[in-house]
Amino acid sequence: MIRTLITPEKRDVSIHIPENYVGKQIEVLLYAVDEINKETISDRKKSSDFRGALNLTDEQYEDFQAHIKDIRNEWDGDI
């Protein structure tokens, strides 16, 4: 993967593809960095924020929370 920032001085931009990318599908994205909406810590959601959206019973919610804890423990153990 190649990622870089450029500041164009005119409307035309030319790119050269590395040899090992020839014949492969590639994705080219173009956006202004100042347009990116940065996520703030207050915007982060917790699983408990989705309780009403999931329409879970109390028992289903507790099972879901236990499942999430198990998954986190598996990730912590693999690292």
N, C-alpha and C. Protein backbone atom coordinates (compact mmCIF):
# COMPACT_ATOMS: atom_id res chain seq x y z
N MET A 1 0.85 -1.18 0.00
CA MET A 1 0.00 0.00 0.00
C MET A 1 0.89 1.23 0.00
N ILE A 2 0.48 2.19 -0.75
CA ILE A 2 1.19 3.47 -0.80
C ILE A 2 0.20 4.55 -0.38
N ARG A 3 0.62 5.37 0.55
CA ARG A 3 -0.24 6.47 0.99
C ARG A 3 0.64 7.71 1.14
N THR A 4 0.15 8.80 0.59
CA THR A 4 0.91 10.03 0.68
C THR A 4 -0.04 11.22 0.64
N LEU A 5 0.42 12.34 1.11
CA LEU A 5 -0.33 13.60 1.04
C LEU A 5 0.33 14.48 0.00
N ILE A 6 -0.50 15.15 -0.79
CA ILE A 6 0.02 16.09 -1.77
C ILE A 6 -0.73 17.41 -1.62
N THR A 7 -0.09 18.47 -2.07
CA THR A 7 -0.74 19.78 -2.16
C THR A 7 -0.61 20.23 -3.61
N PRO A 8 -1.68 20.04 -4.39
CA PRO A 8 -1.60 20.39 -5.81
C PRO A 8 -1.42 21.90 -6.01
N GLU A 9 -0.63 22.23 -7.00
CA GLU A 9 -0.43 23.63 -7.34
C GLU A 9 -1.28 24.05 -8.53
N LYS A 10 -1.94 23.08 -9.15
CA LYS A 10 -2.87 23.35 -10.25
C LYS A 10 -3.93 22.25 -10.23
N ARG A 11 -4.83 22.27 -11.19
CA ARG A 11 -5.96 21.34 -11.17
C ARG A 11 -5.61 19.93 -11.64
N ASP A 12 -4.51 19.75 -12.32
CA ASP A 12 -4.14 18.44 -12.84
C ASP A 12 -3.12 17.77 -11.92
N VAL A 13 -3.33 16.48 -11.69
CA VAL A 13 -2.40 15.68 -10.89
C VAL A 13 -2.13 14.41 -11.67
N SER A 14 -0.88 14.04 -11.78
CA SER A 14 -0.49 12.83 -12.49
C SER A 14 0.14 11.85 -11.50
N ILE A 15 -0.19 10.58 -11.63
CA ILE A 15 0.42 9.58 -10.76
C ILE A 15 1.09 8.50 -11.61
N HIS A 16 2.13 7.93 -11.06
CA HIS A 16 2.83 6.82 -11.70
C HIS A 16 2.64 5.60 -10.81
N ILE A 17 2.20 4.51 -11.41
CA ILE A 17 1.88 3.29 -10.68
C ILE A 17 3.15 2.43 -10.58
N PRO A 18 3.47 1.93 -9.37
CA PRO A 18 4.62 1.03 -9.24
C PRO A 18 4.42 -0.24 -10.09
N GLU A 19 5.50 -0.80 -10.55
CA GLU A 19 5.46 -1.97 -11.43
C GLU A 19 4.62 -3.11 -10.85
N ASN A 20 4.74 -3.36 -9.55
CA ASN A 20 4.01 -4.48 -8.96
C ASN A 20 2.51 -4.21 -8.81
N TYR A 21 2.05 -3.01 -9.14
CA TYR A 21 0.62 -2.70 -9.11
C TYR A 21 -0.02 -2.84 -10.49
N VAL A 22 0.80 -2.94 -11.54
CA VAL A 22 0.29 -3.05 -12.90
C VAL A 22 -0.53 -4.33 -13.03
N GLY A 23 -1.73 -4.21 -13.59
CA GLY A 23 -2.61 -5.36 -13.78
C GLY A 23 -3.50 -5.66 -12.59
N LYS A 24 -3.34 -4.92 -11.50
CA LYS A 24 -4.17 -5.12 -10.32
C LYS A 24 -5.19 -3.99 -10.21
N GLN A 25 -6.33 -4.30 -9.59
CA GLN A 25 -7.27 -3.23 -9.30
C GLN A 25 -6.70 -2.39 -8.16
N ILE A 26 -6.75 -1.09 -8.32
CA ILE A 26 -6.31 -0.19 -7.27
C ILE A 26 -7.42 0.82 -7.01
N GLU A 27 -7.44 1.36 -5.83
CA GLU A 27 -8.43 2.37 -5.46
C GLU A 27 -7.69 3.68 -5.25
N VAL A 28 -8.20 4.72 -5.86
CA VAL A 28 -7.62 6.04 -5.72
C VAL A 28 -8.67 6.93 -5.06
N LEU A 29 -8.33 7.50 -3.92
CA LEU A 29 -9.24 8.39 -3.20
C LEU A 29 -8.71 9.80 -3.27
N LEU A 30 -9.63 10.75 -3.39
CA LEU A 30 -9.24 12.15 -3.42
C LEU A 30 -10.18 12.92 -2.53
N TYR A 31 -9.65 13.48 -1.46
CA TYR A 31 -10.44 14.30 -0.56
C TYR A 31 -9.52 15.29 0.13
N ALA A 32 -10.10 16.39 0.51
CA ALA A 32 -9.32 17.41 1.23
C ALA A 32 -9.23 17.01 2.70
N VAL A 33 -8.04 17.03 3.24
CA VAL A 33 -7.82 16.60 4.62
C VAL A 33 -8.67 17.40 5.59
N ASP A 34 -8.87 18.67 5.31
CA ASP A 34 -9.66 19.49 6.23
C ASP A 34 -11.14 19.15 6.18
N GLU A 35 -11.56 18.31 5.22
CA GLU A 35 -12.96 17.89 5.15
C GLU A 35 -13.25 16.67 6.02
N ILE A 36 -12.21 16.02 6.49
CA ILE A 36 -12.39 14.81 7.30
C ILE A 36 -12.99 15.20 8.64
N ASN A 37 -14.05 14.52 9.00
CA ASN A 37 -14.69 14.76 10.29
C ASN A 37 -14.00 13.89 11.33
N LYS A 38 -13.19 14.49 12.16
CA LYS A 38 -12.44 13.75 13.17
C LYS A 38 -13.38 13.24 14.26
N GLU A 39 -13.19 11.99 14.63
CA GLU A 39 -13.98 11.41 15.72
C GLU A 39 -13.40 11.88 17.04
N THR A 40 -14.27 12.32 17.91
CA THR A 40 -13.82 12.71 19.23
C THR A 40 -14.14 11.61 20.21
N ILE A 41 -13.50 11.62 21.34
CA ILE A 41 -13.72 10.59 22.35
C ILE A 41 -15.18 10.56 22.77
N SER A 42 -15.82 11.71 22.85
CA SER A 42 -17.22 11.76 23.27
C SER A 42 -18.15 11.14 22.22
N ASP A 43 -17.68 11.02 20.96
CA ASP A 43 -18.49 10.44 19.89
C ASP A 43 -18.45 8.92 19.89
N ARG A 44 -17.50 8.34 20.60
CA ARG A 44 -17.37 6.89 20.60
C ARG A 44 -18.55 6.25 21.31
N LYS A 45 -19.02 5.17 20.75
CA LYS A 45 -20.17 4.46 21.29
C LYS A 45 -19.69 3.25 22.09
N LYS A 46 -20.44 2.91 23.11
CA LYS A 46 -20.22 1.69 23.87
C LYS A 46 -21.33 0.72 23.50
N SER A 47 -21.13 -0.54 23.78
CA SER A 47 -22.17 -1.52 23.45
C SER A 47 -23.47 -1.21 24.18
N SER A 48 -23.37 -0.63 25.36
CA SER A 48 -24.59 -0.31 26.12
C SER A 48 -25.41 0.78 25.44
N ASP A 49 -24.79 1.58 24.56
CA ASP A 49 -25.53 2.61 23.83
C ASP A 49 -26.52 2.02 22.83
N PHE A 50 -26.31 0.75 22.46
CA PHE A 50 -27.15 0.12 21.45
C PHE A 50 -28.22 -0.78 22.05
N ARG A 51 -28.39 -0.79 23.34
CA ARG A 51 -29.34 -1.69 23.98
C ARG A 51 -30.74 -1.48 23.43
N GLY A 52 -31.21 -0.27 23.37
CA GLY A 52 -32.56 0.00 22.86
C GLY A 52 -32.68 -0.29 21.38
N ALA A 53 -31.63 -0.03 20.62
CA ALA A 53 -31.66 -0.25 19.18
C ALA A 53 -31.75 -1.74 18.85
N LEU A 54 -31.21 -2.57 19.72
CA LEU A 54 -31.22 -4.00 19.47
C LEU A 54 -32.49 -4.67 19.97
N ASN A 55 -33.31 -3.96 20.74
CA ASN A 55 -34.55 -4.51 21.31
C ASN A 55 -34.30 -5.81 22.06
N LEU A 56 -33.35 -5.80 22.97
CA LEU A 56 -33.00 -7.00 23.73
C LEU A 56 -33.78 -7.06 25.03
N THR A 57 -34.10 -8.28 25.42
CA THR A 57 -34.66 -8.47 26.76
C THR A 57 -33.51 -8.33 27.75
N ASP A 58 -33.83 -8.25 29.02
CA ASP A 58 -32.78 -8.14 30.04
C ASP A 58 -31.82 -9.33 29.97
N GLU A 59 -32.38 -10.52 29.77
CA GLU A 59 -31.55 -11.72 29.70
C GLU A 59 -30.65 -11.70 28.46
N GLN A 60 -31.21 -11.30 27.31
CA GLN A 60 -30.42 -11.21 26.08
C GLN A 60 -29.32 -10.16 26.23
N TYR A 61 -29.64 -9.06 26.90
CA TYR A 61 -28.65 -7.99 27.09
C TYR A 61 -27.49 -8.49 27.95
N GLU A 62 -27.80 -9.21 29.02
CA GLU A 62 -26.75 -9.75 29.90
C GLU A 62 -25.88 -10.76 29.14
N ASP A 63 -26.52 -11.61 28.32
CA ASP A 63 -25.76 -12.57 27.50
C ASP A 63 -24.86 -11.84 26.51
N PHE A 64 -25.38 -10.78 25.92
CA PHE A 64 -24.61 -9.98 24.98
C PHE A 64 -23.39 -9.36 25.66
N GLN A 65 -23.59 -8.81 26.84
CA GLN A 65 -22.47 -8.21 27.59
C GLN A 65 -21.42 -9.26 27.93
N ALA A 66 -21.86 -10.45 28.33
CA ALA A 66 -20.92 -11.53 28.65
C ALA A 66 -20.13 -11.93 27.40
N HIS A 67 -20.82 -11.98 26.27
CA HIS A 67 -20.16 -12.32 25.01
C HIS A 67 -19.09 -11.28 24.66
N ILE A 68 -19.41 -10.03 24.82
CA ILE A 68 -18.45 -8.96 24.54
C ILE A 68 -17.22 -9.08 25.44
N LYS A 69 -17.43 -9.36 26.71
CA LYS A 69 -16.30 -9.53 27.63
C LYS A 69 -15.44 -10.71 27.21
N ASP A 70 -16.07 -11.82 26.79
CA ASP A 70 -15.32 -12.99 26.33
C ASP A 70 -14.48 -12.66 25.11
N ILE A 71 -15.06 -11.92 24.17
CA ILE A 71 -14.33 -11.54 22.97
C ILE A 71 -13.13 -10.66 23.31
N ARG A 72 -13.32 -9.71 24.21
CA ARG A 72 -12.21 -8.84 24.62
C ARG A 72 -11.11 -9.65 25.28
N ASN A 73 -11.49 -10.61 26.10
CA ASN A 73 -10.48 -11.46 26.76
C ASN A 73 -9.73 -12.30 25.75
N GLU A 74 -10.39 -12.77 24.69
CA GLU A 74 -9.72 -13.53 23.65
C GLU A 74 -8.70 -12.65 22.93
N TRP A 75 -9.09 -11.42 22.63
CA TRP A 75 -8.15 -10.50 21.97
C TRP A 75 -6.98 -10.19 22.87
N ASP A 76 -7.23 -9.96 24.14
CA ASP A 76 -6.14 -9.67 25.07
C ASP A 76 -5.19 -10.85 25.19
N GLY A 77 -5.74 -12.06 25.14
CA GLY A 77 -4.92 -13.25 25.26
C GLY A 77 -4.08 -13.52 24.04
N ASP A 78 -4.56 -13.11 22.86
CA ASP A 78 -3.82 -13.36 21.61
C ASP A 78 -2.66 -12.41 21.40
N ILE A 79 -2.66 -11.30 22.07
CA ILE A 79 -1.64 -10.28 21.82
C ILE A 79 -0.35 -10.61 22.51
